[in-house]
Amino acid sequence: MQNLESTPTRTPAHIWVVGAISLLWNSFGCVDYTMTKLDPVAYMASVGMGEPEIAYMQAMPAWLNVFWALGVWGSLAGSILLLMRSRHAVTAFAVSLLGLAVTQVYHFVDSTVPASMNSGAMMVMNLVIWGSLLFFLWYSNRMKAAGVLR
């Protein structure tokens, strides 16, 4: 009778490097989200936001905050799941991408966004966030397809 247990796929070293970088990078988003909720005015002022930006952030609708939370906490969960070699990392990163897409589209079409929040530096940061999240989603999907994630 054949051995019904499959041979486990060897874990490549790069998964630990990508997983650790992902965890560190995505932790920054979680800190930003948490500080914005715990001490919004002081925190936002400490990162260089002025009164118009702070007022805009505080007036964000609750449903948009839900998508922001999905974005940051989904990425953190994806990072942890990637390090745990769980196939659910793909789903977590996909949920995070949904959160990012909804919040970014809203900010892009909202006419009340302060001009400073659509400046060159902010646009570059948004591109870096998109690029990193798309990379982590792609990478986790590749690892899942290769049988590294269980």
C-alpha atoms as a PDB file:
ATOM      1  CA  MET A   1       0.000   0.000   0.000  1.00  0.00           C
ATOM      2  CA  GLN A   2       1.293   3.423  -0.903  1.00  0.00           C
ATOM      3  CA  ASN A   3       2.244   5.882   1.734  1.00  0.00           C
ATOM      4  CA  LEU A   4      -0.703   8.283   1.831  1.00  0.00           C
ATOM      5  CA  GLU A   5       1.260  11.022   3.581  1.00  0.00           C
ATOM      6  CA  SER A   6       2.692  13.583   1.220  1.00  0.00           C
ATOM      7  CA  THR A   7       6.305  14.569   1.470  1.00  0.00           C
ATOM      8  CA  PRO A   8       6.500  17.941   3.215  1.00  0.00           C
ATOM      9  CA  THR A   9       7.862  20.760   1.113  1.00  0.00           C
ATOM     10  CA  ARG A  10      11.102  22.176   2.419  1.00  0.00           C
ATOM     11  CA  THR A  11      10.798  25.733   3.706  1.00  0.00           C
ATOM     12  CA  PRO A  12      12.990  28.078   1.673  1.00  0.00           C
ATOM     13  CA  ALA A  13      15.132  30.513   3.653  1.00  0.00           C
ATOM     14  CA  HIS A  14      13.702  33.481   1.777  1.00  0.00           C
ATOM     15  CA  ILE A  15      10.283  32.974   3.365  1.00  0.00           C
ATOM     16  CA  TRP A  16      11.747  33.967   6.740  1.00  0.00           C
ATOM     17  CA  VAL A  17      13.372  37.066   5.259  1.00  0.00           C
ATOM     18  CA  VAL A  18      10.242  38.156   3.387  1.00  0.00           C
ATOM     19  CA  GLY A  19       8.060  37.273   6.380  1.00  0.00           C
ATOM     20  CA  ALA A  20      10.186  39.313   8.799  1.00  0.00           C
ATOM     21  CA  ILE A  21      10.323  42.319   6.461  1.00  0.00           C
ATOM     22  CA  SER A  22       6.580  42.025   5.914  1.00  0.00           C
ATOM     23  CA  LEU A  23       5.933  41.887   9.654  1.00  0.00           C
ATOM     24  CA  LEU A  24       8.083  44.945  10.344  1.00  0.00           C
ATOM     25  CA  TRP A  25       6.667  46.946   7.428  1.00  0.00           C
ATOM     26  CA  ASN A  26       3.040  46.128   8.189  1.00  0.00           C
ATOM     27  CA  SER A  27       3.518  46.855  11.891  1.00  0.00           C
ATOM     28  CA  PHE A  28       4.095  50.508  10.997  1.00  0.00           C
ATOM     29  CA  GLY A  29       0.580  50.702   9.532  1.00  0.00           C
ATOM     30  CA  CYS A  30      -0.866  49.159  12.687  1.00  0.00           C
ATOM     31  CA  VAL A  31       0.986  51.630  14.911  1.00  0.00           C
ATOM     32  CA  ASP A  32      -0.254  54.503  12.745  1.00  0.00           C
ATOM     33  CA  TYR A  33      -3.842  53.239  12.913  1.00  0.00           C
ATOM     34  CA  THR A  34      -3.708  52.627  16.672  1.00  0.00           C
ATOM     35  CA  MET A  35      -2.147  55.981  17.506  1.00  0.00           C
ATOM     36  CA  THR A  36      -4.677  57.748  15.285  1.00  0.00           C
ATOM     37  CA  LYS A  37      -7.438  56.163  17.345  1.00  0.00           C
ATOM     38  CA  LEU A  38      -5.869  56.512  20.816  1.00  0.00           C
ATOM     39  CA  ASP A  39      -4.534  60.077  20.693  1.00  0.00           C
ATOM     40  CA  PRO A  40      -5.557  61.457  17.319  1.00  0.00           C
ATOM     41  CA  VAL A  41      -4.765  65.147  17.602  1.00  0.00           C
ATOM     42  CA  ALA A  42      -1.375  64.801  19.309  1.00  0.00           C
ATOM     43  CA  TYR A  43      -0.287  61.903  17.110  1.00  0.00           C
ATOM     44  CA  MET A  44      -1.367  63.456  13.830  1.00  0.00           C
ATOM     45  CA  ALA A  45       0.304  66.735  14.778  1.00  0.00           C
ATOM     46  CA  SER A  46       3.495  64.845  15.661  1.00  0.00           C
ATOM     47  CA  VAL A  47       3.650  63.357  12.142  1.00  0.00           C
ATOM     48  CA  GLY A  48       3.287  66.779  10.546  1.00  0.00           C
ATOM     49  CA  MET A  49      -0.430  67.077   9.924  1.00  0.00           C
ATOM     50  CA  GLY A  50      -1.988  70.478  10.239  1.00  0.00           C
ATOM     51  CA  GLU A  51      -5.488  71.408  11.323  1.00  0.00           C
ATOM     52  CA  PRO A  52      -7.130  70.754   7.917  1.00  0.00           C
ATOM     53  CA  GLU A  53      -5.655  67.236   7.706  1.00  0.00           C
ATOM     54  CA  ILE A  54      -6.533  66.418  11.311  1.00  0.00           C
ATOM     55  CA  ALA A  55     -10.097  67.677  10.836  1.00  0.00           C
ATOM     56  CA  TYR A  56     -10.438  65.614   7.671  1.00  0.00           C
ATOM     57  CA  MET A  57      -9.154  62.457   9.359  1.00  0.00           C
ATOM     58  CA  GLN A  58     -11.471  62.926  12.338  1.00  0.00           C
ATOM     59  CA  ALA A  59     -14.467  63.434  10.047  1.00  0.00           C
ATOM     60  CA  MET A  60     -13.904  60.173   8.146  1.00  0.00           C
ATOM     61  CA  PRO A  61     -17.052  58.057   8.096  1.00  0.00           C
ATOM     62  CA  ALA A  62     -17.103  54.998  10.360  1.00  0.00           C
ATOM     63  CA  TRP A  63     -17.500  52.597   7.441  1.00  0.00           C
ATOM     64  CA  LEU A  64     -14.273  53.957   5.925  1.00  0.00           C
ATOM     65  CA  ASN A  65     -12.452  53.372   9.212  1.00  0.00           C
ATOM     66  CA  VAL A  66     -13.583  49.737   8.982  1.00  0.00           C
ATOM     67  CA  PHE A  67     -11.868  49.392   5.602  1.00  0.00           C
ATOM     68  CA  TRP A  68      -8.761  51.156   6.913  1.00  0.00           C
ATOM     69  CA  ALA A  69      -8.693  48.637   9.782  1.00  0.00           C
ATOM     70  CA  LEU A  70      -9.108  45.742   7.328  1.00  0.00           C
ATOM     71  CA  GLY A  71      -6.176  47.123   5.369  1.00  0.00           C
ATOM     72  CA  VAL A  72      -3.696  47.450   8.215  1.00  0.00           C
ATOM     73  CA  TRP A  73      -4.726  44.518  10.401  1.00  0.00           C
ATOM     74  CA  GLY A  74      -5.211  42.253   7.369  1.00  0.00           C
ATOM     75  CA  SER A  75      -1.605  42.914   6.370  1.00  0.00           C
ATOM     76  CA  LEU A  76      -0.358  42.217   9.878  1.00  0.00           C
ATOM     77  CA  ALA A  77      -2.348  38.969   9.957  1.00  0.00           C
ATOM     78  CA  GLY A  78      -0.974  38.060   6.527  1.00  0.00           C
ATOM     79  CA  SER A  79       2.575  38.626   7.761  1.00  0.00           C
ATOM     80  CA  ILE A  80       2.065  36.460  10.832  1.00  0.00           C
ATOM     81  CA  LEU A  81       0.341  33.743   8.793  1.00  0.00           C
ATOM     82  CA  LEU A  82       3.170  33.827   6.260  1.00  0.00           C
ATOM     83  CA  LEU A  83       5.696  33.243   9.034  1.00  0.00           C
ATOM     84  CA  MET A  84       3.498  30.416  10.319  1.00  0.00           C
ATOM     85  CA  ARG A  85       3.506  28.970   6.787  1.00  0.00           C
ATOM     86  CA  SER A  86      -0.275  29.110   6.611  1.00  0.00           C
ATOM     87  CA  ARG A  87      -2.053  29.219   3.261  1.00  0.00           C
ATOM     88  CA  HIS A  88      -4.467  31.703   4.851  1.00  0.00           C
ATOM     89  CA  ALA A  89      -1.783  34.377   4.444  1.00  0.00           C
ATOM     90  CA  VAL A  90      -3.036  34.788   0.870  1.00  0.00           C
ATOM     91  CA  THR A  91      -6.569  35.497   2.084  1.00  0.00           C
ATOM     92  CA  ALA A  92      -5.365  37.935   4.739  1.00  0.00           C
ATOM     93  CA  PHE A  93      -3.289  39.887   2.212  1.00  0.00           C
ATOM     94  CA  ALA A  94      -6.262  39.891  -0.204  1.00  0.00           C
ATOM     95  CA  VAL A  95      -8.530  41.307   2.529  1.00  0.00           C
ATOM     96  CA  SER A  96      -5.885  43.921   3.226  1.00  0.00           C
ATOM     97  CA  LEU A  97      -5.794  44.833  -0.465  1.00  0.00           C
ATOM     98  CA  LEU A  98      -9.563  45.290  -0.417  1.00  0.00           C
ATOM     99  CA  GLY A  99      -9.266  47.633   2.569  1.00  0.00           C
ATOM    100  CA  LEU A 100      -6.494  49.596   0.878  1.00  0.00           C
ATOM    101  CA  ALA A 101      -8.384  49.846  -2.410  1.00  0.00           C
ATOM    102  CA  VAL A 102     -11.598  51.114  -0.808  1.00  0.00           C
ATOM    103  CA  THR A 103      -9.841  53.732   1.334  1.00  0.00           C
ATOM    104  CA  GLN A 104      -7.610  54.913  -1.505  1.00  0.00           C
ATOM    105  CA  VAL A 105     -10.475  55.194  -4.002  1.00  0.00           C
ATOM    106  CA  TYR A 106     -12.537  57.113  -1.450  1.00  0.00           C
ATOM    107  CA  HIS A 107      -9.700  59.557  -0.772  1.00  0.00           C
ATOM    108  CA  PHE A 108      -9.064  59.923  -4.500  1.00  0.00           C
ATOM    109  CA  VAL A 109     -12.659  60.853  -5.367  1.00  0.00           C
ATOM    110  CA  ASP A 110     -13.507  62.778  -2.177  1.00  0.00           C
ATOM    111  CA  SER A 111     -13.484  66.489  -2.991  1.00  0.00           C
ATOM    112  CA  THR A 112     -12.983  67.468   0.662  1.00  0.00           C
ATOM    113  CA  VAL A 113      -9.498  65.924   0.925  1.00  0.00           C
ATOM    114  CA  PRO A 114      -6.988  68.654   1.823  1.00  0.00           C
ATOM    115  CA  ALA A 115      -4.604  69.343  -1.063  1.00  0.00           C
ATOM    116  CA  SER A 116      -1.617  68.502   1.133  1.00  0.00           C
ATOM    117  CA  MET A 117      -2.873  64.919   1.434  1.00  0.00           C
ATOM    118  CA  ASN A 118      -2.546  64.538  -2.338  1.00  0.00           C
ATOM    119  CA  SER A 119       0.950  66.001  -2.516  1.00  0.00           C
ATOM    120  CA  GLY A 120       3.870  64.362  -4.282  1.00  0.00           C
ATOM    121  CA  ALA A 121       5.297  62.812  -1.120  1.00  0.00           C
ATOM    122  CA  MET A 122       1.932  61.329  -0.131  1.00  0.00           C
ATOM    123  CA  MET A 123       1.414  59.945  -3.612  1.00  0.00           C
ATOM    124  CA  VAL A 124       4.858  58.297  -3.521  1.00  0.00           C
ATOM    125  CA  MET A 125       4.056  56.779  -0.128  1.00  0.00           C
ATOM    126  CA  ASN A 126       0.757  55.457  -1.473  1.00  0.00           C
ATOM    127  CA  LEU A 127       2.599  53.848  -4.386  1.00  0.00           C
ATOM    128  CA  VAL A 128       5.078  52.235  -1.987  1.00  0.00           C
ATOM    129  CA  ILE A 129       2.191  50.862   0.099  1.00  0.00           C
ATOM    130  CA  TRP A 130       0.448  49.498  -3.006  1.00  0.00           C
ATOM    131  CA  GLY A 131       3.670  47.991  -4.329  1.00  0.00           C
ATOM    132  CA  SER A 132       4.571  46.299  -1.069  1.00  0.00           C
ATOM    133  CA  LEU A 133       1.102  44.870  -0.514  1.00  0.00           C
ATOM    134  CA  LEU A 134       0.869  43.577  -4.079  1.00  0.00           C
ATOM    135  CA  PHE A 135       4.293  41.993  -3.657  1.00  0.00           C
ATOM    136  CA  PHE A 136       3.318  40.284  -0.374  1.00  0.00           C
ATOM    137  CA  LEU A 137       0.093  38.997  -1.929  1.00  0.00           C
ATOM    138  CA  TRP A 138       1.957  37.725  -4.996  1.00  0.00           C
ATOM    139  CA  TYR A 139       4.696  36.156  -2.875  1.00  0.00           C
ATOM    140  CA  SER A 140       2.313  34.383  -0.505  1.00  0.00           C
ATOM    141  CA  ASN A 141       0.302  33.115  -3.469  1.00  0.00           C
ATOM    142  CA  ARG A 142       3.501  31.755  -5.057  1.00  0.00           C
ATOM    143  CA  MET A 143       4.487  30.046  -1.799  1.00  0.00           C
ATOM    144  CA  LYS A 144       1.007  28.536  -1.526  1.00  0.00           C
ATOM    145  CA  ALA A 145       1.186  27.236  -5.099  1.00  0.00           C
ATOM    146  CA  ALA A 146       4.638  25.778  -4.405  1.00  0.00           C
ATOM    147  CA  GLY A 147       3.266  23.876  -1.422  1.00  0.00           C
ATOM    148  CA  VAL A 148       5.318  25.824   1.131  1.00  0.00           C
ATOM    149  CA  LEU A 149       2.213  27.207   2.832  1.00  0.00           C
ATOM    150  CA  ARG A 150      -0.045  24.572   4.368  1.00  0.00           C
END
